[in-house]
Amino acid sequence: MTSEAPKERAVVSNRKALHDYFIIETFEAGIALRGTEVKSLRQGAANLQDGYALIRKGEVWLLGMHISPFEKGNINNHDPRRERKLLLHRREIFRIAEKMSEKGLTLVPLKIYLKKNVIKVELGLAKGKKEYDKRAAIAKRDVERQLRRDYAQ
């Protein structure tokens, strides 16, 4: 019996975003990369923690994301923190821009993954959490963990 290979394989995820923001809606976007960036991403050498997305002149750009230079690269290696263009349909960009016009909403990358050997980015339309929201989420997670432990015994 052969099992099918998974259709999506997570390369890197932004767990800090889930801690710092309420995710209202998610979007899937392609990303314009250079060759050595693709090789580095396939090795999992990326960091999304400081990443965010902006809409400039009708295009979506991913800033603050770090992709480490490819270790076997040469002088054609990429700049680790360069701005990268995200590939979305025009109507999706307009819908995102309309929602981002509300106060306090931002666009953050949640994860980078391979989908049929194409690198995709999952973006989240997010609203920042207050400090008390973060503490409440931690307390709730601790209680659920303790209940699971008690139930298992």
C-alpha atoms as a PDB file:
ATOM      1  CA  MET A   1       0.000   0.000   0.000  1.00  0.00           C
ATOM      2  CA  THR A   2       1.307   3.388  -0.917  1.00  0.00           C
ATOM      3  CA  SER A   3       0.207   6.485   0.878  1.00  0.00           C
ATOM      4  CA  GLU A   4      -0.086   9.781  -0.901  1.00  0.00           C
ATOM      5  CA  ALA A   5       2.476  12.444  -0.174  1.00  0.00           C
ATOM      6  CA  PRO A   6       1.078  15.468   1.656  1.00  0.00           C
ATOM      7  CA  LYS A   7      -0.070  18.234  -0.667  1.00  0.00           C
ATOM      8  CA  GLU A   8       1.291  20.967   1.589  1.00  0.00           C
ATOM      9  CA  ARG A   9       4.542  20.956   3.538  1.00  0.00           C
ATOM     10  CA  ALA A  10       5.166  23.737   6.018  1.00  0.00           C
ATOM     11  CA  VAL A  11       8.585  25.309   5.589  1.00  0.00           C
ATOM     12  CA  VAL A  12       8.439  27.944   8.333  1.00  0.00           C
ATOM     13  CA  SER A  13       5.701  29.335  10.564  1.00  0.00           C
ATOM     14  CA  ASN A  14       5.217  32.488  12.611  1.00  0.00           C
ATOM     15  CA  ARG A  15       4.032  31.327  16.028  1.00  0.00           C
ATOM     16  CA  LYS A  16       4.688  34.764  17.520  1.00  0.00           C
ATOM     17  CA  ALA A  17       2.018  36.275  15.250  1.00  0.00           C
ATOM     18  CA  LEU A  18      -0.591  33.933  16.714  1.00  0.00           C
ATOM     19  CA  HIS A  19       0.440  35.099  20.191  1.00  0.00           C
ATOM     20  CA  ASP A  20       0.488  38.824  19.374  1.00  0.00           C
ATOM     21  CA  TYR A  21      -2.560  39.123  17.086  1.00  0.00           C
ATOM     22  CA  PHE A  22      -6.161  38.029  16.638  1.00  0.00           C
ATOM     23  CA  ILE A  23      -6.299  36.597  13.108  1.00  0.00           C
ATOM     24  CA  ILE A  24      -9.478  37.803  11.406  1.00  0.00           C
ATOM     25  CA  GLU A  25      -9.028  36.355   7.920  1.00  0.00           C
ATOM     26  CA  THR A  26      -6.318  34.485   6.008  1.00  0.00           C
ATOM     27  CA  PHE A  27      -5.145  34.745   2.416  1.00  0.00           C
ATOM     28  CA  GLU A  28      -2.880  32.569   0.280  1.00  0.00           C
ATOM     29  CA  ALA A  29      -0.323  34.382  -1.860  1.00  0.00           C
ATOM     30  CA  GLY A  30       2.500  33.436  -4.137  1.00  0.00           C
ATOM     31  CA  ILE A  31       5.860  35.096  -3.600  1.00  0.00           C
ATOM     32  CA  ALA A  32       8.404  36.388  -6.121  1.00  0.00           C
ATOM     33  CA  LEU A  33      11.760  34.858  -5.166  1.00  0.00           C
ATOM     34  CA  ARG A  34      15.244  34.472  -6.592  1.00  0.00           C
ATOM     35  CA  GLY A  35      16.858  31.068  -7.115  1.00  0.00           C
ATOM     36  CA  THR A  36      19.036  31.026  -4.020  1.00  0.00           C
ATOM     37  CA  GLU A  37      16.075  32.152  -1.892  1.00  0.00           C
ATOM     38  CA  VAL A  38      14.101  29.119  -3.026  1.00  0.00           C
ATOM     39  CA  LYS A  39      16.979  26.817  -2.106  1.00  0.00           C
ATOM     40  CA  SER A  40      17.312  28.411   1.337  1.00  0.00           C
ATOM     41  CA  LEU A  41      13.567  28.167   1.961  1.00  0.00           C
ATOM     42  CA  ARG A  42      13.524  24.483   1.032  1.00  0.00           C
ATOM     43  CA  GLN A  43      16.141  24.021   3.784  1.00  0.00           C
ATOM     44  CA  GLY A  44      13.918  25.961   6.215  1.00  0.00           C
ATOM     45  CA  ALA A  45      16.394  28.836   6.641  1.00  0.00           C
ATOM     46  CA  ALA A  46      13.893  31.675   7.108  1.00  0.00           C
ATOM     47  CA  ASN A  47      12.450  33.804   9.901  1.00  0.00           C
ATOM     48  CA  LEU A  48       9.000  35.414   9.764  1.00  0.00           C
ATOM     49  CA  GLN A  49       8.949  36.905  13.264  1.00  0.00           C
ATOM     50  CA  ASP A  50       9.550  40.525  12.221  1.00  0.00           C
ATOM     51  CA  GLY A  51       7.722  40.225   8.916  1.00  0.00           C
ATOM     52  CA  TYR A  52       4.726  42.263   7.809  1.00  0.00           C
ATOM     53  CA  ALA A  53       3.059  43.153   4.517  1.00  0.00           C
ATOM     54  CA  LEU A  54       2.190  46.527   2.979  1.00  0.00           C
ATOM     55  CA  ILE A  55       0.109  47.568   0.019  1.00  0.00           C
ATOM     56  CA  ARG A  56       1.990  50.036  -2.186  1.00  0.00           C
ATOM     57  CA  LYS A  57       0.680  51.287  -5.541  1.00  0.00           C
ATOM     58  CA  GLY A  58      -1.741  48.387  -5.889  1.00  0.00           C
ATOM     59  CA  GLU A  59       0.891  45.737  -5.080  1.00  0.00           C
ATOM     60  CA  VAL A  60       1.485  43.782  -1.872  1.00  0.00           C
ATOM     61  CA  TRP A  61       5.052  43.701  -0.522  1.00  0.00           C
ATOM     62  CA  LEU A  62       6.463  41.507   2.248  1.00  0.00           C
ATOM     63  CA  LEU A  63       8.968  43.358   4.438  1.00  0.00           C
ATOM     64  CA  GLY A  64      11.084  42.370   7.418  1.00  0.00           C
ATOM     65  CA  MET A  65      11.230  38.676   6.567  1.00  0.00           C
ATOM     66  CA  HIS A  66      14.703  37.142   6.772  1.00  0.00           C
ATOM     67  CA  ILE A  67      15.805  34.386   4.382  1.00  0.00           C
ATOM     68  CA  SER A  68      19.357  33.286   5.134  1.00  0.00           C
ATOM     69  CA  PRO A  69      21.797  33.330   2.210  1.00  0.00           C
ATOM     70  CA  PHE A  70      22.258  29.954   0.544  1.00  0.00           C
ATOM     71  CA  GLU A  71      25.372  28.376   2.036  1.00  0.00           C
ATOM     72  CA  LYS A  72      26.584  26.958  -1.281  1.00  0.00           C
ATOM     73  CA  GLY A  73      25.771  30.134  -3.176  1.00  0.00           C
ATOM     74  CA  ASN A  74      28.159  32.556  -4.815  1.00  0.00           C
ATOM     75  CA  ILE A  75      28.276  36.293  -5.475  1.00  0.00           C
ATOM     76  CA  ASN A  76      24.731  36.077  -6.846  1.00  0.00           C
ATOM     77  CA  ASN A  77      23.320  35.358  -3.375  1.00  0.00           C
ATOM     78  CA  HIS A  78      20.335  37.456  -2.331  1.00  0.00           C
ATOM     79  CA  ASP A  79      20.063  40.171   0.323  1.00  0.00           C
ATOM     80  CA  PRO A  80      18.517  38.418   3.365  1.00  0.00           C
ATOM     81  CA  ARG A  81      16.082  41.239   4.227  1.00  0.00           C
ATOM     82  CA  ARG A  82      15.086  42.504   0.786  1.00  0.00           C
ATOM     83  CA  GLU A  83      11.478  43.420   0.031  1.00  0.00           C
ATOM     84  CA  ARG A  84       9.615  40.638  -1.734  1.00  0.00           C
ATOM     85  CA  LYS A  85       6.567  41.051  -3.923  1.00  0.00           C
ATOM     86  CA  LEU A  86       3.523  38.948  -3.092  1.00  0.00           C
ATOM     87  CA  LEU A  87       1.383  37.637  -5.916  1.00  0.00           C
ATOM     88  CA  LEU A  88      -2.355  38.132  -5.409  1.00  0.00           C
ATOM     89  CA  HIS A  89      -5.277  38.829  -7.712  1.00  0.00           C
ATOM     90  CA  ARG A  90      -6.212  42.479  -8.052  1.00  0.00           C
ATOM     91  CA  ARG A  91      -9.649  42.004  -6.495  1.00  0.00           C
ATOM     92  CA  GLU A  92      -8.040  40.283  -3.480  1.00  0.00           C
ATOM     93  CA  ILE A  93      -5.666  43.222  -3.058  1.00  0.00           C
ATOM     94  CA  PHE A  94      -8.575  45.682  -3.179  1.00  0.00           C
ATOM     95  CA  ARG A  95     -10.510  43.622  -0.627  1.00  0.00           C
ATOM     96  CA  ILE A  96      -7.502  43.515   1.697  1.00  0.00           C
ATOM     97  CA  ALA A  97      -6.877  47.249   1.284  1.00  0.00           C
ATOM     98  CA  GLU A  98     -10.507  47.989   2.074  1.00  0.00           C
ATOM     99  CA  LYS A  99     -10.361  45.944   5.275  1.00  0.00           C
ATOM    100  CA  MET A 100      -6.967  47.382   6.273  1.00  0.00           C
ATOM    101  CA  SER A 101      -8.420  50.881   6.149  1.00  0.00           C
ATOM    102  CA  GLU A 102     -10.091  50.030   9.469  1.00  0.00           C
ATOM    103  CA  LYS A 103      -8.136  51.220  12.452  1.00  0.00           C
ATOM    104  CA  GLY A 104      -5.716  48.754  14.017  1.00  0.00           C
ATOM    105  CA  LEU A 105      -5.624  46.075  11.306  1.00  0.00           C
ATOM    106  CA  THR A 106      -2.388  44.859   9.767  1.00  0.00           C
ATOM    107  CA  LEU A 107      -1.237  42.148   7.395  1.00  0.00           C
ATOM    108  CA  VAL A 108       1.206  39.589   8.843  1.00  0.00           C
ATOM    109  CA  PRO A 109       2.757  36.451   7.324  1.00  0.00           C
ATOM    110  CA  LEU A 110       1.637  33.354   9.238  1.00  0.00           C
ATOM    111  CA  LYS A 111       3.535  30.612   7.435  1.00  0.00           C
ATOM    112  CA  ILE A 112       5.466  29.721   4.321  1.00  0.00           C
ATOM    113  CA  TYR A 113       4.751  26.351   2.777  1.00  0.00           C
ATOM    114  CA  LEU A 114       5.203  24.277  -0.347  1.00  0.00           C
ATOM    115  CA  LYS A 115       2.053  23.506  -2.299  1.00  0.00           C
ATOM    116  CA  LYS A 116       2.657  21.240  -5.294  1.00  0.00           C
ATOM    117  CA  ASN A 117       6.328  22.344  -5.272  1.00  0.00           C
ATOM    118  CA  VAL A 118       5.408  26.041  -5.404  1.00  0.00           C
ATOM    119  CA  ILE A 119       6.276  28.258  -2.443  1.00  0.00           C
ATOM    120  CA  LYS A 120       3.246  30.029  -0.965  1.00  0.00           C
ATOM    121  CA  VAL A 121       2.759  32.474   1.905  1.00  0.00           C
ATOM    122  CA  GLU A 122      -0.258  32.456   4.206  1.00  0.00           C
ATOM    123  CA  LEU A 123      -1.102  36.034   5.173  1.00  0.00           C
ATOM    124  CA  GLY A 124      -3.348  36.929   8.042  1.00  0.00           C
ATOM    125  CA  LEU A 125      -5.407  40.074   8.428  1.00  0.00           C
ATOM    126  CA  ALA A 126      -4.766  40.707  12.087  1.00  0.00           C
ATOM    127  CA  LYS A 127      -5.711  42.953  14.975  1.00  0.00           C
ATOM    128  CA  GLY A 128      -3.203  43.408  17.791  1.00  0.00           C
ATOM    129  CA  LYS A 129      -3.837  41.840  21.182  1.00  0.00           C
ATOM    130  CA  LYS A 130      -3.598  43.826  24.387  1.00  0.00           C
ATOM    131  CA  GLU A 131      -1.373  42.563  27.199  1.00  0.00           C
ATOM    132  CA  TYR A 132      -4.342  41.242  29.183  1.00  0.00           C
ATOM    133  CA  ASP A 133      -5.544  39.300  26.107  1.00  0.00           C
ATOM    134  CA  LYS A 134      -2.158  37.598  25.868  1.00  0.00           C
ATOM    135  CA  ARG A 135      -2.199  36.693  29.555  1.00  0.00           C
ATOM    136  CA  ALA A 136      -5.731  35.301  29.250  1.00  0.00           C
ATOM    137  CA  ALA A 137      -4.709  33.163  26.256  1.00  0.00           C
ATOM    138  CA  ILE A 138      -1.724  31.769  28.182  1.00  0.00           C
ATOM    139  CA  ALA A 139      -3.905  30.991  31.219  1.00  0.00           C
ATOM    140  CA  LYS A 140      -6.510  29.249  29.041  1.00  0.00           C
ATOM    141  CA  ARG A 141      -3.815  27.159  27.342  1.00  0.00           C
ATOM    142  CA  ASP A 142      -2.359  26.146  30.734  1.00  0.00           C
ATOM    143  CA  VAL A 143      -5.792  25.091  32.032  1.00  0.00           C
ATOM    144  CA  GLU A 144      -6.460  23.017  28.889  1.00  0.00           C
ATOM    145  CA  ARG A 145      -3.049  21.367  29.195  1.00  0.00           C
ATOM    146  CA  GLN A 146      -3.711  20.482  32.837  1.00  0.00           C
ATOM    147  CA  LEU A 147      -7.145  19.050  31.975  1.00  0.00           C
ATOM    148  CA  ARG A 148      -5.598  16.864  29.266  1.00  0.00           C
ATOM    149  CA  ARG A 149      -2.997  15.595  31.757  1.00  0.00           C
ATOM    150  CA  ASP A 150      -5.670  14.820  34.363  1.00  0.00           C
ATOM    151  CA  TYR A 151      -7.853  13.084  31.791  1.00  0.00           C
ATOM    152  CA  ALA A 152      -4.950  10.932  30.536  1.00  0.00           C
ATOM    153  CA  GLN A 153      -4.231   9.601  34.038  1.00  0.00           C
END
